[in-house]
Amino acid sequence: MSRHLHVTLYMKANCPLCDELKADLAELQAEIALEITERNIEANEEDFCRFRYLIPVLDIEGGDLLYPPHHWDAVRNALNSAWQKMQ
């Protein structure tokens, strides 16, 4: 059984930045085994209070929270770093 790097994407509907990051993560799945959980901050009061002005936020298992602006190389490097720690 192969191990996946778990990431949580804090987002909301009708958020172009969220959609862009989600697309980037889908593309990065070709390089890194990712398990992506999407959390709509509007469905959880605690998430909403914590992230309403910050989305999209990416929570990488074994890594840091990544706040916008999200740059392809920075996201990729953070995911690779967390993946290497798991190995």
C-alpha atoms as a PDB file:
ATOM      1  CA  MET A   1       0.000   0.000   0.000  1.00  0.00           C
ATOM      2  CA  SER A   2       1.497   3.293  -1.026  1.00  0.00           C
ATOM      3  CA  ARG A   3       1.467   6.247   1.310  1.00  0.00           C
ATOM      4  CA  HIS A   4      -0.204   9.511   0.349  1.00  0.00           C
ATOM      5  CA  LEU A   5       0.577  12.988   1.575  1.00  0.00           C
ATOM      6  CA  HIS A   6      -2.605  14.378   3.076  1.00  0.00           C
ATOM      7  CA  VAL A   7      -3.444  18.000   2.370  1.00  0.00           C
ATOM      8  CA  THR A   8      -6.498  19.983   3.405  1.00  0.00           C
ATOM      9  CA  LEU A   9      -7.697  22.815   1.207  1.00  0.00           C
ATOM     10  CA  TYR A  10      -9.719  25.399   3.112  1.00  0.00           C
ATOM     11  CA  MET A  11     -11.915  27.078   0.538  1.00  0.00           C
ATOM     12  CA  LYS A  12     -15.421  28.231  -0.327  1.00  0.00           C
ATOM     13  CA  ALA A  13     -17.703  28.127  -3.347  1.00  0.00           C
ATOM     14  CA  ASN A  14     -17.384  30.741  -6.083  1.00  0.00           C
ATOM     15  CA  CYS A  15     -13.772  31.509  -5.179  1.00  0.00           C
ATOM     16  CA  PRO A  16     -11.541  31.810  -8.268  1.00  0.00           C
ATOM     17  CA  LEU A  17      -8.343  31.623  -6.181  1.00  0.00           C
ATOM     18  CA  CYS A  18      -9.621  28.433  -4.553  1.00  0.00           C
ATOM     19  CA  ASP A  19     -10.421  26.925  -7.948  1.00  0.00           C
ATOM     20  CA  GLU A  20      -6.965  27.850  -9.223  1.00  0.00           C
ATOM     21  CA  LEU A  21      -5.189  26.228  -6.272  1.00  0.00           C
ATOM     22  CA  LYS A  22      -7.401  23.141  -6.570  1.00  0.00           C
ATOM     23  CA  ALA A  23      -6.412  22.835 -10.245  1.00  0.00           C
ATOM     24  CA  ASP A  24      -2.727  23.229  -9.335  1.00  0.00           C
ATOM     25  CA  LEU A  25      -3.032  20.467  -6.732  1.00  0.00           C
ATOM     26  CA  ALA A  26      -4.701  18.171  -9.256  1.00  0.00           C
ATOM     27  CA  GLU A  27      -1.789  18.766 -11.612  1.00  0.00           C
ATOM     28  CA  LEU A  28       0.757  18.116  -8.863  1.00  0.00           C
ATOM     29  CA  GLN A  29      -0.847  14.740  -8.135  1.00  0.00           C
ATOM     30  CA  ALA A  30       1.057  13.467 -11.173  1.00  0.00           C
ATOM     31  CA  GLU A  31       4.311  14.067  -9.240  1.00  0.00           C
ATOM     32  CA  ILE A  32       3.326  13.533  -5.610  1.00  0.00           C
ATOM     33  CA  ALA A  33       0.808  11.061  -4.174  1.00  0.00           C
ATOM     34  CA  LEU A  34      -1.674  13.508  -2.650  1.00  0.00           C
ATOM     35  CA  GLU A  35      -4.855  12.853  -0.747  1.00  0.00           C
ATOM     36  CA  ILE A  36      -6.784  16.115  -0.935  1.00  0.00           C
ATOM     37  CA  THR A  37      -9.577  17.009   1.450  1.00  0.00           C
ATOM     38  CA  GLU A  38     -11.614  20.096   0.629  1.00  0.00           C
ATOM     39  CA  ARG A  39     -13.160  21.978   3.537  1.00  0.00           C
ATOM     40  CA  ASN A  40     -15.751  24.597   2.766  1.00  0.00           C
ATOM     41  CA  ILE A  41     -15.219  27.242   5.432  1.00  0.00           C
ATOM     42  CA  GLU A  42     -18.841  28.345   5.108  1.00  0.00           C
ATOM     43  CA  ALA A  43     -19.964  24.947   6.423  1.00  0.00           C
ATOM     44  CA  ASN A  44     -18.024  25.224   9.687  1.00  0.00           C
ATOM     45  CA  GLU A  45     -18.211  28.248  11.978  1.00  0.00           C
ATOM     46  CA  GLU A  46     -14.740  27.692  13.446  1.00  0.00           C
ATOM     47  CA  ASP A  47     -13.154  27.377   9.985  1.00  0.00           C
ATOM     48  CA  PHE A  48     -15.042  30.450   8.825  1.00  0.00           C
ATOM     49  CA  CYS A  49     -13.848  32.568  11.767  1.00  0.00           C
ATOM     50  CA  ARG A  50     -10.292  31.333  11.328  1.00  0.00           C
ATOM     51  CA  PHE A  51      -9.922  31.593   7.539  1.00  0.00           C
ATOM     52  CA  ARG A  52     -12.614  33.877   6.110  1.00  0.00           C
ATOM     53  CA  TYR A  53     -10.145  36.581   5.076  1.00  0.00           C
ATOM     54  CA  LEU A  54      -7.334  34.201   4.132  1.00  0.00           C
ATOM     55  CA  ILE A  55      -8.644  31.594   1.678  1.00  0.00           C
ATOM     56  CA  PRO A  56      -7.524  29.532   0.019  1.00  0.00           C
ATOM     57  CA  VAL A  57      -5.391  28.035   2.764  1.00  0.00           C
ATOM     58  CA  LEU A  58      -3.489  24.801   2.246  1.00  0.00           C
ATOM     59  CA  ASP A  59      -2.720  22.646   5.282  1.00  0.00           C
ATOM     60  CA  ILE A  60       0.022  20.174   4.398  1.00  0.00           C
ATOM     61  CA  GLU A  61       0.520  17.102   6.577  1.00  0.00           C
ATOM     62  CA  GLY A  62       3.878  17.426   8.282  1.00  0.00           C
ATOM     63  CA  GLY A  63       4.309  20.965   6.988  1.00  0.00           C
ATOM     64  CA  ASP A  64       3.106  24.475   7.447  1.00  0.00           C
ATOM     65  CA  LEU A  65      -0.107  26.210   6.525  1.00  0.00           C
ATOM     66  CA  LEU A  66       0.280  27.980   3.199  1.00  0.00           C
ATOM     67  CA  TYR A  67      -1.558  31.283   2.841  1.00  0.00           C
ATOM     68  CA  PRO A  68      -2.168  33.287  -0.341  1.00  0.00           C
ATOM     69  CA  PRO A  69      -0.760  34.382  -2.588  1.00  0.00           C
ATOM     70  CA  HIS A  70       0.026  30.875  -3.804  1.00  0.00           C
ATOM     71  CA  HIS A  71       2.826  30.522  -6.297  1.00  0.00           C
ATOM     72  CA  TRP A  72       3.261  27.267  -8.193  1.00  0.00           C
ATOM     73  CA  ASP A  73       6.909  26.770  -7.205  1.00  0.00           C
ATOM     74  CA  ALA A  74       6.296  27.556  -3.530  1.00  0.00           C
ATOM     75  CA  VAL A  75       3.387  25.110  -3.312  1.00  0.00           C
ATOM     76  CA  ARG A  76       5.328  22.444  -5.173  1.00  0.00           C
ATOM     77  CA  ASN A  77       8.410  22.930  -2.964  1.00  0.00           C
ATOM     78  CA  ALA A  78       6.334  22.775   0.236  1.00  0.00           C
ATOM     79  CA  LEU A  79       4.629  19.578  -0.914  1.00  0.00           C
ATOM     80  CA  ASN A  80       7.941  17.995  -1.949  1.00  0.00           C
ATOM     81  CA  SER A  81       9.517  18.925   1.376  1.00  0.00           C
ATOM     82  CA  ALA A  82       6.652  17.388   3.354  1.00  0.00           C
ATOM     83  CA  TRP A  83       6.734  14.304   1.111  1.00  0.00           C
ATOM     84  CA  GLN A  84      10.486  13.845   1.704  1.00  0.00           C
ATOM     85  CA  LYS A  85       9.943  14.026   5.478  1.00  0.00           C
ATOM     86  CA  MET A  86       7.481  11.155   5.199  1.00  0.00           C
ATOM     87  CA  GLN A  87       9.920   8.884   3.372  1.00  0.00           C
END
